[in-house]
Amino acid sequence: MLYGPLAPFIGRDVTMTAAQQGLLVAVPVLAAAILRVTLGNLYQSTDGRRVALMDVVLSAIPSIVLPMTTGVPSYPMLLVLGVFLGMGGASFAVALPMAGSSYPPKVQGLVLGLAAAGNIGAVLDGFLSPHLTDAFGWQRATALPLLAITSVALYGWASDAG
């Protein structure tokens, strides 16, 4: 969801038509919808913890690449990075079954509710990204620190009980 609140800022630097800006915002959402099927199948057929870690690492690529880009990134590059941003949205295909299978039935409702509360990230993106962009620029308004914390938590505590 990061491109949505950043689109007006990106549009100041990258020449785009209104249709191109709409596509830029849509690519991560579409990628997330498609990748949910892929990640769900991977979760069922392999080690779910590895799939979750891979998802976090791949979704961090834009947060690493954009600040390192000298000058203004190209529109096609932003579209490709949008696919990687979509990995974050696809993570629910792994998070929910992992949370559901790792806890006893007595607390699964609570755990699944907490896992689904991860949707708050989209709200935080919309609320915080413009402020971070004003302070650091749109290429540096990233979620990399949060993704790093998530990676450490997944590596240290997640298990694949499914």
Protein backbone atom coordinates (compact mmCIF):
# COMPACT_ATOMS: atom_id res chain seq x y z
CA MET A 1 0.00 0.00 0.00
CA LEU A 2 3.05 2.26 0.15
CA TYR A 3 2.71 3.62 -3.38
CA GLY A 4 -0.78 4.97 -2.67
CA PRO A 5 0.18 7.66 -0.17
CA LEU A 6 3.50 8.29 -1.94
CA ALA A 7 2.05 8.66 -5.47
CA PRO A 8 1.66 12.46 -5.29
CA PHE A 9 5.27 12.77 -4.12
CA ILE A 10 6.59 10.33 -6.72
CA GLY A 11 4.61 12.20 -9.39
CA ARG A 12 6.62 15.34 -8.67
CA ASP A 13 9.85 13.60 -9.69
CA VAL A 14 8.76 10.92 -12.16
CA THR A 15 6.84 12.06 -15.22
CA MET A 16 3.64 10.01 -15.39
CA THR A 17 0.20 10.31 -16.87
CA ALA A 18 -2.79 9.84 -14.58
CA ALA A 19 -3.22 6.32 -16.00
CA GLN A 20 0.43 5.48 -15.30
CA GLN A 21 0.09 6.77 -11.75
CA GLY A 22 -3.00 4.61 -11.31
CA LEU A 23 -1.12 1.58 -12.62
CA LEU A 24 1.78 2.33 -10.28
CA VAL A 25 -0.58 2.28 -7.30
CA ALA A 26 -2.39 -0.83 -8.58
CA VAL A 27 0.66 -3.04 -9.29
CA PRO A 28 1.47 -3.87 -5.64
CA VAL A 29 -2.18 -4.65 -4.91
CA LEU A 30 -2.51 -6.86 -7.99
CA ALA A 31 0.81 -8.56 -7.25
CA ALA A 32 -0.32 -9.26 -3.69
CA ALA A 33 -3.54 -10.84 -4.92
CA ILE A 34 -1.69 -13.12 -7.34
CA LEU A 35 1.18 -13.92 -4.98
CA ARG A 36 -1.19 -14.96 -2.18
CA VAL A 37 -2.01 -18.09 -4.18
CA THR A 38 1.67 -18.83 -4.79
CA LEU A 39 2.70 -18.24 -1.18
CA GLY A 40 -0.24 -20.25 0.13
CA ASN A 41 0.80 -23.21 -2.02
CA LEU A 42 4.44 -22.83 -0.98
CA TYR A 43 3.41 -22.71 2.67
CA GLN A 44 1.54 -25.99 2.32
CA SER A 45 4.29 -27.77 0.41
CA THR A 46 7.46 -26.53 2.14
CA ASP A 47 8.71 -25.08 5.42
CA GLY A 48 6.31 -22.25 6.24
CA ARG A 49 8.89 -20.35 8.28
CA ARG A 50 11.25 -20.23 5.31
CA VAL A 51 8.43 -19.03 3.07
CA ALA A 52 7.59 -16.29 5.59
CA LEU A 53 11.24 -15.20 5.83
CA MET A 54 11.58 -15.20 2.04
CA ASP A 55 8.46 -13.06 1.81
CA VAL A 56 9.81 -10.47 4.25
CA VAL A 57 13.20 -10.36 2.53
CA LEU A 58 11.68 -9.95 -0.93
CA SER A 59 9.25 -7.28 0.26
CA ALA A 60 12.24 -5.36 1.69
CA ILE A 61 13.92 -5.02 -1.72
CA PRO A 62 12.21 -1.69 -2.58
CA SER A 63 13.17 -0.30 0.84
CA ILE A 64 16.79 -1.15 0.07
CA VAL A 65 16.93 -0.26 -3.63
CA LEU A 66 15.10 3.08 -3.63
CA PRO A 67 17.37 4.88 -1.13
CA MET A 68 20.45 3.57 -2.98
CA THR A 69 19.21 4.82 -6.36
CA THR A 70 21.13 7.83 -7.57
CA GLY A 71 18.82 10.30 -9.19
CA VAL A 72 15.20 9.58 -9.97
CA PRO A 73 14.25 5.95 -10.59
CA SER A 74 12.57 5.14 -13.87
CA TYR A 75 8.88 4.35 -14.12
CA PRO A 76 9.52 0.72 -15.21
CA MET A 77 11.83 0.27 -12.21
CA LEU A 78 9.07 1.53 -9.90
CA LEU A 79 6.64 -0.97 -11.45
CA VAL A 80 9.06 -3.85 -10.84
CA LEU A 81 9.65 -2.69 -7.27
CA GLY A 82 5.86 -2.53 -6.90
CA VAL A 83 5.71 -6.27 -7.44
CA PHE A 84 8.11 -6.73 -4.54
CA LEU A 85 6.00 -4.36 -2.43
CA GLY A 86 3.09 -6.67 -3.19
CA MET A 87 4.93 -9.45 -1.38
CA GLY A 88 4.06 -7.69 1.88
CA GLY A 89 0.37 -7.83 1.06
CA ALA A 90 0.66 -11.47 0.09
CA SER A 91 2.16 -12.35 3.47
CA PHE A 92 -1.26 -13.06 4.93
CA ALA A 93 -1.33 -16.28 2.93
CA VAL A 94 1.49 -17.44 5.18
CA ALA A 95 0.83 -15.55 8.41
CA LEU A 96 -2.70 -16.77 8.99
CA PRO A 97 -2.12 -20.52 8.49
CA MET A 98 1.15 -20.28 10.44
CA ALA A 99 -0.59 -18.56 13.35
CA GLY A 100 -3.54 -20.94 13.22
CA SER A 101 -1.45 -24.09 13.21
CA SER A 102 1.06 -23.02 15.84
CA TYR A 103 -1.35 -22.56 18.74
CA PRO A 104 -3.87 -24.80 20.51
CA PRO A 105 -7.51 -24.52 19.45
CA LYS A 106 -8.39 -22.73 22.70
CA VAL A 107 -6.49 -19.58 21.67
CA GLN A 108 -6.56 -19.83 17.87
CA GLY A 109 -9.29 -17.21 17.54
CA LEU A 110 -7.24 -14.68 19.48
CA VAL A 111 -4.05 -15.53 17.60
CA LEU A 112 -5.72 -15.34 14.19
CA GLY A 113 -7.31 -12.04 15.16
CA LEU A 114 -3.92 -10.65 16.16
CA ALA A 115 -2.35 -11.92 12.94
CA ALA A 116 -5.13 -10.33 10.89
CA ALA A 117 -4.59 -7.08 12.77
CA GLY A 118 -1.46 -6.80 10.65
CA ASN A 119 -3.74 -4.94 8.25
CA ILE A 120 -3.05 -1.92 10.43
CA GLY A 121 0.14 -1.57 8.40
CA ALA A 122 -1.87 -0.20 5.47
CA VAL A 123 -3.41 2.42 7.76
CA LEU A 124 -0.02 3.34 9.18
CA ASP A 125 1.39 3.63 5.66
CA GLY A 126 -1.29 6.08 4.71
CA PHE A 127 -0.88 8.08 7.90
CA LEU A 128 2.90 8.10 8.38
CA SER A 129 4.32 7.97 4.83
CA PRO A 130 3.54 11.59 3.92
CA HIS A 131 5.19 12.78 7.13
CA LEU A 132 8.24 10.58 6.58
CA THR A 133 8.39 11.76 2.97
CA ASP A 134 8.41 15.39 4.06
CA ALA A 135 11.28 14.65 6.43
CA PHE A 136 13.40 12.22 4.39
CA GLY A 137 12.13 12.21 0.78
CA TRP A 138 9.89 9.62 -0.85
CA GLN A 139 12.77 7.31 -1.75
CA ARG A 140 13.72 6.98 1.91
CA ALA A 141 10.23 6.74 3.43
CA THR A 142 10.50 3.01 3.91
CA ALA A 143 9.45 0.33 6.34
CA LEU A 144 12.90 -1.27 6.45
CA PRO A 145 13.31 -1.05 10.26
CA LEU A 146 9.94 -2.75 10.76
CA LEU A 147 10.79 -5.42 8.20
CA ALA A 148 14.09 -6.08 9.99
CA ILE A 149 12.27 -6.54 13.31
CA THR A 150 9.78 -8.86 11.62
CA SER A 151 12.60 -10.93 10.12
CA VAL A 152 14.31 -11.34 13.49
CA ALA A 153 11.02 -12.29 15.15
CA LEU A 154 10.22 -14.83 12.42
CA TYR A 155 13.67 -16.35 12.57
CA GLY A 156 13.74 -16.51 16.35
CA TRP A 157 10.20 -17.49 17.27
CA ALA A 158 8.19 -18.71 14.34
CA SER A 159 7.66 -22.39 13.84
CA ASP A 160 6.08 -24.39 11.08
CA ALA A 161 3.63 -26.63 12.89
CA GLY A 162 1.33 -26.97 9.86
